Amino acid sequence: MSFGSAAALGEPQICYILGRHLVLCTGIILTVLYCRIKYFTQMAPVTGTGTAKPNADESIYTGLTRHATDTYETIGQKKKGLN
């Protein structure tokens, strides 16, 4: 593409070209990342058995405690009579 023909393109044509380029590059990048995850993780050596159960001390809830009070407390409301 020469400079003269690039200058002859209007804004919509340039946007279409850039949009196509963006979609093409994004598709290629996502395909490469997918193949990398899909195939290269299967080829990596596995360490450990992977079936070991965590101890009670290694639980994800370790260190968490309950709140002393509820987050939402009821406000005492007095009912007024209709007299």
PDB file of N, CA and C in Angstrom:
ATOM      1  N   MET A   1       0.861  -1.164   0.000  1.00  0.00           N
ATOM      2  CA  MET A   1       0.000   0.000   0.000  1.00  0.00           C
ATOM      3  C   MET A   1       0.910   1.230   0.000  1.00  0.00           C
ATOM      4  N   SER A   2       0.754   2.072  -0.969  1.00  0.00           N
ATOM      5  CA  SER A   2       1.581   3.264  -1.054  1.00  0.00           C
ATOM      6  C   SER A   2       0.936   4.397  -0.267  1.00  0.00           C
ATOM      7  N   PHE A   3       1.700   5.440  -0.064  1.00  0.00           N
ATOM      8  CA  PHE A   3       1.197   6.573   0.709  1.00  0.00           C
ATOM      9  C   PHE A   3       0.006   7.225   0.032  1.00  0.00           C
ATOM     10  N   GLY A   4       0.043   7.305  -1.301  1.00  0.00           N
ATOM     11  CA  GLY A   4      -1.033   7.943  -2.047  1.00  0.00           C
ATOM     12  C   GLY A   4      -2.346   7.196  -1.906  1.00  0.00           C
ATOM     13  N   SER A   5      -2.299   5.860  -1.942  1.00  0.00           N
ATOM     14  CA  SER A   5      -3.537   5.090  -1.815  1.00  0.00           C
ATOM     15  C   SER A   5      -4.030   5.087  -0.376  1.00  0.00           C
ATOM     16  N   ALA A   6      -3.125   5.171   0.591  1.00  0.00           N
ATOM     17  CA  ALA A   6      -3.539   5.234   1.990  1.00  0.00           C
ATOM     18  C   ALA A   6      -4.217   6.555   2.287  1.00  0.00           C
ATOM     19  N   ALA A   7      -3.747   7.623   1.642  1.00  0.00           N
ATOM     20  CA  ALA A   7      -4.352   8.929   1.855  1.00  0.00           C
ATOM     21  C   ALA A   7      -5.716   9.007   1.183  1.00  0.00           C
ATOM     22  N   ALA A   8      -5.931   8.177   0.158  1.00  0.00           N
ATOM     23  CA  ALA A   8      -7.202   8.197  -0.557  1.00  0.00           C
ATOM     24  C   ALA A   8      -8.309   7.500   0.226  1.00  0.00           C
ATOM     25  N   LEU A   9      -7.964   6.676   1.185  1.00  0.00           N
ATOM     26  CA  LEU A   9      -8.970   5.981   1.988  1.00  0.00           C
ATOM     27  C   LEU A   9      -9.644   6.959   2.930  1.00  0.00           C
ATOM     28  N   GLY A  10     -10.933   6.784   3.085  1.00  0.00           N
ATOM     29  CA  GLY A  10     -11.660   7.624   4.030  1.00  0.00           C
ATOM     30  C   GLY A  10     -11.606   7.019   5.417  1.00  0.00           C
ATOM     31  N   GLU A  11     -12.159   7.720   6.387  1.00  0.00           N
ATOM     32  CA  GLU A  11     -12.148   7.228   7.765  1.00  0.00           C
ATOM     33  C   GLU A  11     -12.857   5.899   7.940  1.00  0.00           C
ATOM     34  N   PRO A  12     -14.025   5.685   7.328  1.00  0.00           N
ATOM     35  CA  PRO A  12     -14.685   4.396   7.520  1.00  0.00           C
ATOM     36  C   PRO A  12     -13.857   3.213   7.020  1.00  0.00           C
ATOM     37  N   GLN A  13     -13.196   3.372   5.883  1.00  0.00           N
ATOM     38  CA  GLN A  13     -12.390   2.288   5.352  1.00  0.00           C
ATOM     39  C   GLN A  13     -11.206   1.988   6.272  1.00  0.00           C
ATOM     40  N   ILE A  14     -10.590   3.027   6.810  1.00  0.00           N
ATOM     41  CA  ILE A  14      -9.463   2.827   7.731  1.00  0.00           C
ATOM     42  C   ILE A  14      -9.944   2.122   8.993  1.00  0.00           C
ATOM     43  N   CYS A  15     -11.121   2.494   9.481  1.00  0.00           N
ATOM     44  CA  CYS A  15     -11.657   1.847  10.684  1.00  0.00           C
ATOM     45  C   CYS A  15     -11.940   0.376  10.429  1.00  0.00           C
ATOM     46  N   TYR A  16     -12.468   0.048   9.245  1.00  0.00           N
ATOM     47  CA  TYR A  16     -12.732  -1.345   8.917  1.00  0.00           C
ATOM     48  C   TYR A  16     -11.438  -2.146   8.847  1.00  0.00           C
ATOM     49  N   ILE A  17     -10.417  -1.554   8.247  1.00  0.00           N
ATOM     50  CA  ILE A  17      -9.136  -2.240   8.138  1.00  0.00           C
ATOM     51  C   ILE A  17      -8.536  -2.457   9.526  1.00  0.00           C
ATOM     52  N   LEU A  18      -8.556  -1.428  10.362  1.00  0.00           N
ATOM     53  CA  LEU A  18      -8.002  -1.558  11.712  1.00  0.00           C
ATOM     54  C   LEU A  18      -8.822  -2.545  12.550  1.00  0.00           C
ATOM     55  N   GLY A  19     -10.128  -2.538  12.377  1.00  0.00           N
ATOM     56  CA  GLY A  19     -10.987  -3.473  13.103  1.00  0.00           C
ATOM     57  C   GLY A  19     -10.705  -4.913  12.719  1.00  0.00           C
ATOM     58  N   ARG A  20     -10.549  -5.153  11.425  1.00  0.00           N
ATOM     59  CA  ARG A  20     -10.213  -6.509  10.962  1.00  0.00           C
ATOM     60  C   ARG A  20      -8.859  -6.941  11.506  1.00  0.00           C
ATOM     61  N   HIS A  21      -7.909  -6.036  11.483  1.00  0.00           N
ATOM     62  CA  HIS A  21      -6.575  -6.338  12.010  1.00  0.00           C
ATOM     63  C   HIS A  21      -6.651  -6.674  13.502  1.00  0.00           C
ATOM     64  N   LEU A  22      -7.439  -5.913  14.243  1.00  0.00           N
ATOM     65  CA  LEU A  22      -7.589  -6.156  15.675  1.00  0.00           C
ATOM     66  C   LEU A  22      -8.227  -7.520  15.938  1.00  0.00           C
ATOM     67  N   VAL A  23      -9.271  -7.855  15.205  1.00  0.00           N
ATOM     68  CA  VAL A  23      -9.939  -9.147  15.381  1.00  0.00           C
ATOM     69  C   VAL A  23      -8.999 -10.286  15.016  1.00  0.00           C
ATOM     70  N   LEU A  24      -8.258 -10.140  13.940  1.00  0.00           N
ATOM     71  CA  LEU A  24      -7.322 -11.175  13.515  1.00  0.00           C
ATOM     72  C   LEU A  24      -6.224 -11.389  14.555  1.00  0.00           C
ATOM     73  N   CYS A  25      -5.632 -10.316  15.030  1.00  0.00           N
ATOM     74  CA  CYS A  25      -4.565 -10.435  16.035  1.00  0.00           C
ATOM     75  C   CYS A  25      -5.094 -11.005  17.341  1.00  0.00           C
ATOM     76  N   THR A  26      -6.267 -10.582  17.760  1.00  0.00           N
ATOM     77  CA  THR A  26      -6.854 -11.106  18.988  1.00  0.00           C
ATOM     78  C   THR A  26      -7.142 -12.592  18.854  1.00  0.00           C
ATOM     79  N   GLY A  27      -7.656 -13.006  17.704  1.00  0.00           N
ATOM     80  CA  GLY A  27      -7.918 -14.427  17.472  1.00  0.00           C
ATOM     81  C   GLY A  27      -6.655 -15.253  17.510  1.00  0.00           C
ATOM     82  N   ILE A  28      -5.597 -14.752  16.909  1.00  0.00           N
ATOM     83  CA  ILE A  28      -4.325 -15.476  16.911  1.00  0.00           C
ATOM     84  C   ILE A  28      -3.773 -15.582  18.324  1.00  0.00           C
ATOM     85  N   ILE A  29      -3.807 -14.493  19.069  1.00  0.00           N
ATOM     86  CA  ILE A  29      -3.279 -14.495  20.436  1.00  0.00           C
ATOM     87  C   ILE A  29      -4.076 -15.443  21.317  1.00  0.00           C
ATOM     88  N   LEU A  30      -5.400 -15.405  21.230  1.00  0.00           N
ATOM     89  CA  LEU A  30      -6.222 -16.295  22.051  1.00  0.00           C
ATOM     90  C   LEU A  30      -6.014 -17.757  21.674  1.00  0.00           C
ATOM     91  N   THR A  31      -5.826 -18.040  20.384  1.00  0.00           N
ATOM     92  CA  THR A  31      -5.565 -19.404  19.945  1.00  0.00           C
ATOM     93  C   THR A  31      -4.240 -19.906  20.495  1.00  0.00           C
ATOM     94  N   VAL A  32      -3.227 -19.063  20.449  1.00  0.00           N
ATOM     95  CA  VAL A  32      -1.917 -19.455  20.984  1.00  0.00           C
ATOM     96  C   VAL A  32      -2.002 -19.702  22.483  1.00  0.00           C
ATOM     97  N   LEU A  33      -2.681 -18.829  23.207  1.00  0.00           N
ATOM     98  CA  LEU A  33      -2.807 -19.025  24.654  1.00  0.00           C
ATOM     99  C   LEU A  33      -3.605 -20.276  24.983  1.00  0.00           C
ATOM    100  N   TYR A  34      -4.665 -20.552  24.218  1.00  0.00           N
ATOM    101  CA  TYR A  34      -5.464 -21.754  24.452  1.00  0.00           C
ATOM    102  C   TYR A  34      -4.630 -23.007  24.217  1.00  0.00           C
ATOM    103  N   CYS A  35      -3.885 -23.028  23.111  1.00  0.00           N
ATOM    104  CA  CYS A  35      -3.043 -24.199  22.820  1.00  0.00           C
ATOM    105  C   CYS A  35      -1.961 -24.371  23.869  1.00  0.00           C
ATOM    106  N   ARG A  36      -1.436 -23.278  24.326  1.00  0.00           N
ATOM    107  CA  ARG A  36      -0.396 -23.339  25.357  1.00  0.00           C
ATOM    108  C   ARG A  36      -0.931 -23.948  26.640  1.00  0.00           C
ATOM    109  N   ILE A  37      -2.139 -23.541  27.037  1.00  0.00           N
ATOM    110  CA  ILE A  37      -2.745 -24.093  28.253  1.00  0.00           C
ATOM    111  C   ILE A  37      -3.149 -25.544  28.036  1.00  0.00           C
ATOM    112  N   LYS A  38      -3.764 -25.818  26.906  1.00  0.00           N
ATOM    113  CA  LYS A  38      -4.333 -27.136  26.636  1.00  0.00           C
ATOM    114  C   LYS A  38      -3.257 -28.205  26.490  1.00  0.00           C
ATOM    115  N   TYR A  39      -2.225 -27.939  25.714  1.00  0.00           N
ATOM    116  CA  TYR A  39      -1.273 -28.984  25.369  1.00  0.00           C
ATOM    117  C   TYR A  39      -0.020 -28.988  26.221  1.00  0.00           C
ATOM    118  N   PHE A  40       0.466 -27.835  26.598  1.00  0.00           N
ATOM    119  CA  PHE A  40       1.724 -27.815  27.333  1.00  0.00           C
ATOM    120  C   PHE A  40       1.547 -28.154  28.803  1.00  0.00           C
ATOM    121  N   THR A  41       0.369 -27.964  29.376  1.00  0.00           N
ATOM    122  CA  THR A  41       0.161 -28.382  30.758  1.00  0.00           C
ATOM    123  C   THR A  41       0.014 -29.889  30.847  1.00  0.00           C
ATOM    124  N   GLN A  42      -0.449 -30.537  29.780  1.00  0.00           N
ATOM    125  CA  GLN A  42      -0.550 -31.989  29.779  1.00  0.00           C
ATOM    126  C   GLN A  42       0.825 -32.628  29.671  1.00  0.00           C
ATOM    127  N   MET A  43       1.758 -31.950  29.038  1.00  0.00           N
ATOM    128  CA  MET A  43       3.096 -32.485  28.849  1.00  0.00           C
ATOM    129  C   MET A  43       3.994 -32.239  30.058  1.00  0.00           C
ATOM    130  N   ALA A  44       3.611 -31.338  30.949  1.00  0.00           N
ATOM    131  CA  ALA A  44       4.439 -31.011  32.106  1.00  0.00           C
ATOM    132  C   ALA A  44       4.400 -32.171  33.104  1.00  0.00           C
ATOM    133  N   PRO A  45       5.527 -32.460  33.754  1.00  0.00           N
ATOM    134  CA  PRO A  45       5.532 -33.534  34.739  1.00  0.00           C
ATOM    135  C   PRO A  45       4.689 -33.167  35.955  1.00  0.00           C
ATOM    136  N   VAL A  46       3.999 -34.157  36.479  1.00  0.00           N
ATOM    137  CA  VAL A  46       3.137 -33.956  37.637  1.00  0.00           C
ATOM    138  C   VAL A  46       3.943 -34.255  38.892  1.00  0.00           C
ATOM    139  N   THR A  47       3.930 -33.339  39.838  1.00  0.00           N
ATOM    140  CA  THR A  47       4.623 -33.554  41.098  1.00  0.00           C
ATOM    141  C   THR A  47       3.612 -33.864  42.180  1.00  0.00           C
ATOM    142  N   GLY A  48       3.928 -34.804  43.030  1.00  0.00           N
ATOM    143  CA  GLY A  48       3.016 -35.170  44.114  1.00  0.00           C
ATOM    144  C   GLY A  48       1.921 -36.086  43.618  1.00  0.00           C
ATOM    145  N   THR A  49       1.123 -36.578  44.558  1.00  0.00           N
ATOM    146  CA  THR A  49       0.053 -37.501  44.193  1.00  0.00           C
ATOM    147  C   THR A  49      -1.195 -36.768  43.777  1.00  0.00           C
ATOM    148  N   GLY A  50      -1.457 -35.617  44.373  1.00  0.00           N
ATOM    149  CA  GLY A  50      -2.629 -34.847  44.014  1.00  0.00           C
ATOM    150  C   GLY A  50      -3.897 -35.325  44.686  1.00  0.00           C
ATOM    151  N   THR A  51      -3.835 -36.458  45.394  1.00  0.00           N
ATOM    152  CA  THR A  51      -5.022 -36.984  46.064  1.00  0.00           C
ATOM    153  C   THR A  51      -4.956 -36.808  47.566  1.00  0.00           C
ATOM    154  N   ALA A  52      -3.930 -36.150  48.056  1.00  0.00           N
ATOM    155  CA  ALA A  52      -3.789 -35.971  49.501  1.00  0.00           C
ATOM    156  C   ALA A  52      -4.858 -35.010  50.006  1.00  0.00           C
ATOM    157  N   LYS A  53      -5.500 -35.377  51.099  1.00  0.00           N
ATOM    158  CA  LYS A  53      -6.522 -34.517  51.693  1.00  0.00           C
ATOM    159  C   LYS A  53      -5.847 -33.536  52.641  1.00  0.00           C
ATOM    160  N   PRO A  54      -6.275 -32.300  52.643  1.00  0.00           N
ATOM    161  CA  PRO A  54      -5.673 -31.323  53.556  1.00  0.00           C
ATOM    162  C   PRO A  54      -6.070 -31.619  54.999  1.00  0.00           C
ATOM    163  N   ASN A  55      -5.168 -31.307  55.893  1.00  0.00           N
ATOM    164  CA  ASN A  55      -5.468 -31.466  57.313  1.00  0.00           C
ATOM    165  C   ASN A  55      -6.494 -30.439  57.740  1.00  0.00           C
ATOM    166  N   ALA A  56      -7.091 -30.646  58.902  1.00  0.00           N
ATOM    167  CA  ALA A  56      -8.076 -29.696  59.412  1.00  0.00           C
ATOM    168  C   ALA A  56      -7.414 -28.342  59.676  1.00  0.00           C
ATOM    169  N   ASP A  57      -6.122 -28.351  60.015  1.00  0.00           N
ATOM    170  CA  ASP A  57      -5.416 -27.101  60.283  1.00  0.00           C
ATOM    171  C   ASP A  57      -5.164 -26.302  58.999  1.00  0.00           C
ATOM    172  N   GLU A  58      -5.179 -26.956  57.857  1.00  0.00           N
ATOM    173  CA  GLU A  58      -4.898 -26.295  56.587  1.00  0.00           C
ATOM    174  C   GLU A  58      -6.170 -25.904  55.858  1.00  0.00           C
ATOM    175  N   SER A  59      -7.269 -25.862  56.549  1.00  0.00           N
ATOM    176  CA  SER A  59      -8.541 -25.530  55.933  1.00  0.00           C
ATOM    177  C   SER A  59      -8.558 -24.081  55.474  1.00  0.00           C
ATOM    178  N   ILE A  60      -9.398 -23.796  54.504  1.00  0.00           N
ATOM    179  CA  ILE A  60      -9.483 -22.421  54.008  1.00  0.00           C
ATOM    180  C   ILE A  60     -10.169 -21.509  55.017  1.00  0.00           C
ATOM    181  N   TYR A  61     -10.847 -22.101  55.986  1.00  0.00           N
ATOM    182  CA  TYR A  61     -11.554 -21.304  56.977  1.00  0.00           C
ATOM    183  C   TYR A  61     -10.719 -21.061  58.239  1.00  0.00           C
ATOM    184  N   THR A  62      -9.475 -21.509  58.244  1.00  0.00           N
ATOM    185  CA  THR A  62      -8.623 -21.330  59.408  1.00  0.00           C
ATOM    186  C   THR A  62      -8.409 -19.848  59.658  1.00  0.00           C
ATOM    187  N   GLY A  63      -8.598 -19.426  60.879  1.00  0.00           N
ATOM    188  CA  GLY A  63      -8.380 -18.034  61.242  1.00  0.00           C
ATOM    189  C   GLY A  63      -9.628 -17.187  61.146  1.00  0.00           C
ATOM    190  N   LEU A  64     -10.703 -17.715  60.608  1.00  0.00           N
ATOM    191  CA  LEU A  64     -11.932 -16.946  60.511  1.00  0.00           C
ATOM    192  C   LEU A  64     -12.774 -17.174  61.757  1.00  0.00           C
ATOM    193  N   THR A  65     -13.372 -16.121  62.248  1.00  0.00           N
ATOM    194  CA  THR A  65     -14.237 -16.230  63.415  1.00  0.00           C
ATOM    195  C   THR A  65     -15.572 -15.578  63.107  1.00  0.00           C
ATOM    196  N   ARG A  66     -16.574 -15.909  63.911  1.00  0.00           N
ATOM    197  CA  ARG A  66     -17.889 -15.301  63.740  1.00  0.00           C
ATOM    198  C   ARG A  66     -17.875 -13.905  64.355  1.00  0.00           C
ATOM    199  N   HIS A  67     -18.754 -13.057  63.841  1.00  0.00           N
ATOM    200  CA  HIS A  67     -18.906 -11.719  64.405  1.00  0.00           C
ATOM    201  C   HIS A  67     -19.593 -11.844  65.765  1.00  0.00           C
ATOM    202  N   ALA A  68     -19.241 -10.939  66.671  1.00  0.00           N
ATOM    203  CA  ALA A  68     -19.859 -10.946  67.985  1.00  0.00           C
ATOM    204  C   ALA A  68     -21.326 -10.528  67.900  1.00  0.00           C
ATOM    205  N   THR A  69     -21.657  -9.644  66.982  1.00  0.00           N
ATOM    206  CA  THR A  69     -23.034  -9.197  66.822  1.00  0.00           C
ATOM    207  C   THR A  69     -23.449  -9.357  65.371  1.00  0.00           C
ATOM    208  N   ASP A  70     -24.735  -9.320  65.141  1.00  0.00           N
ATOM    209  CA  ASP A  70     -25.233  -9.389  63.775  1.00  0.00           C
ATOM    210  C   ASP A  70     -24.882  -8.112  63.033  1.00  0.00           C
ATOM    211  N   THR A  71     -24.748  -8.242  61.746  1.00  0.00           N
ATOM    212  CA  THR A  71     -24.476  -7.076  60.922  1.00  0.00           C
ATOM    213  C   THR A  71     -25.665  -6.131  60.931  1.00  0.00           C
ATOM    214  N   TYR A  72     -26.840  -6.716  60.869  1.00  0.00           N
ATOM    215  CA  TYR A  72     -28.059  -5.923  60.869  1.00  0.00           C
ATOM    216  C   TYR A  72     -28.785  -6.146  62.184  1.00  0.00           C
ATOM    217  N   GLU A  73     -28.970  -5.093  62.922  1.00  0.00           N
ATOM    218  CA  GLU A  73     -29.693  -5.185  64.180  1.00  0.00           C
ATOM    219  C   GLU A  73     -31.039  -4.498  64.023  1.00  0.00           C
ATOM    220  N   THR A  74     -32.039  -5.020  64.713  1.00  0.00           N
ATOM    221  CA  THR A  74     -33.366  -4.436  64.652  1.00  0.00           C
ATOM    222  C   THR A  74     -33.402  -3.198  65.528  1.00  0.00           C
ATOM    223  N   ILE A  75     -33.918  -2.116  64.978  1.00  0.00           N
ATOM    224  CA  ILE A  75     -34.043  -0.873  65.728  1.00  0.00           C
ATOM    225  C   ILE A  75     -35.357  -0.935  66.488  1.00  0.00           C
ATOM    226  N   GLY A  76     -35.313  -0.632  67.760  1.00  0.00           N
ATOM    227  CA  GLY A  76     -36.531  -0.652  68.572  1.00  0.00           C
ATOM    228  C   GLY A  76     -37.485   0.439  68.127  1.00  0.00           C
ATOM    229  N   GLN A  77     -38.671   0.063  67.709  1.00  0.00           N
ATOM    230  CA  GLN A  77     -39.653   1.032  67.249  1.00  0.00           C
ATOM    231  C   GLN A  77     -40.861   0.976  68.170  1.00  0.00           C
ATOM    232  N   LYS A  78     -41.349   2.153  68.527  1.00  0.00           N
ATOM    233  CA  LYS A  78     -42.541   2.231  69.367  1.00  0.00           C
ATOM    234  C   LYS A  78     -43.749   2.428  68.460  1.00  0.00           C
ATOM    235  N   LYS A  79     -44.786   1.663  68.722  1.00  0.00           N
ATOM    236  CA  LYS A  79     -46.000   1.811  67.942  1.00  0.00           C
ATOM    237  C   LYS A  79     -46.860   2.901  68.561  1.00  0.00           C
ATOM    238  N   LYS A  80     -47.347   3.784  67.736  1.00  0.00           N
ATOM    239  CA  LYS A  80     -48.199   4.859  68.207  1.00  0.00           C
ATOM    240  C   LYS A  80     -49.649   4.453  68.000  1.00  0.00           C
ATOM    241  N   GLY A  81     -50.449   4.780  68.986  1.00  0.00           N
ATOM    242  CA  GLY A  81     -51.876   4.458  68.896  1.00  0.00           C
ATOM    243  C   GLY A  81     -52.602   5.436  67.994  1.00  0.00           C
ATOM    244  N   LEU A  82     -53.731   5.001  67.466  1.00  0.00           N
ATOM    245  CA  LEU A  82     -54.509   5.837  66.561  1.00  0.00           C
ATOM    246  C   LEU A  82     -55.620   6.554  67.305  1.00  0.00           C
ATOM    247  N   ASN A  83     -55.441   6.999  68.505  1.00  0.00           N
ATOM    248  CA  ASN A  83     -56.477   7.643  69.297  1.00  0.00           C
ATOM    249  C   ASN A  83     -56.653   9.080  68.956  1.00  0.00           C
TER     250      ASN A  83
END
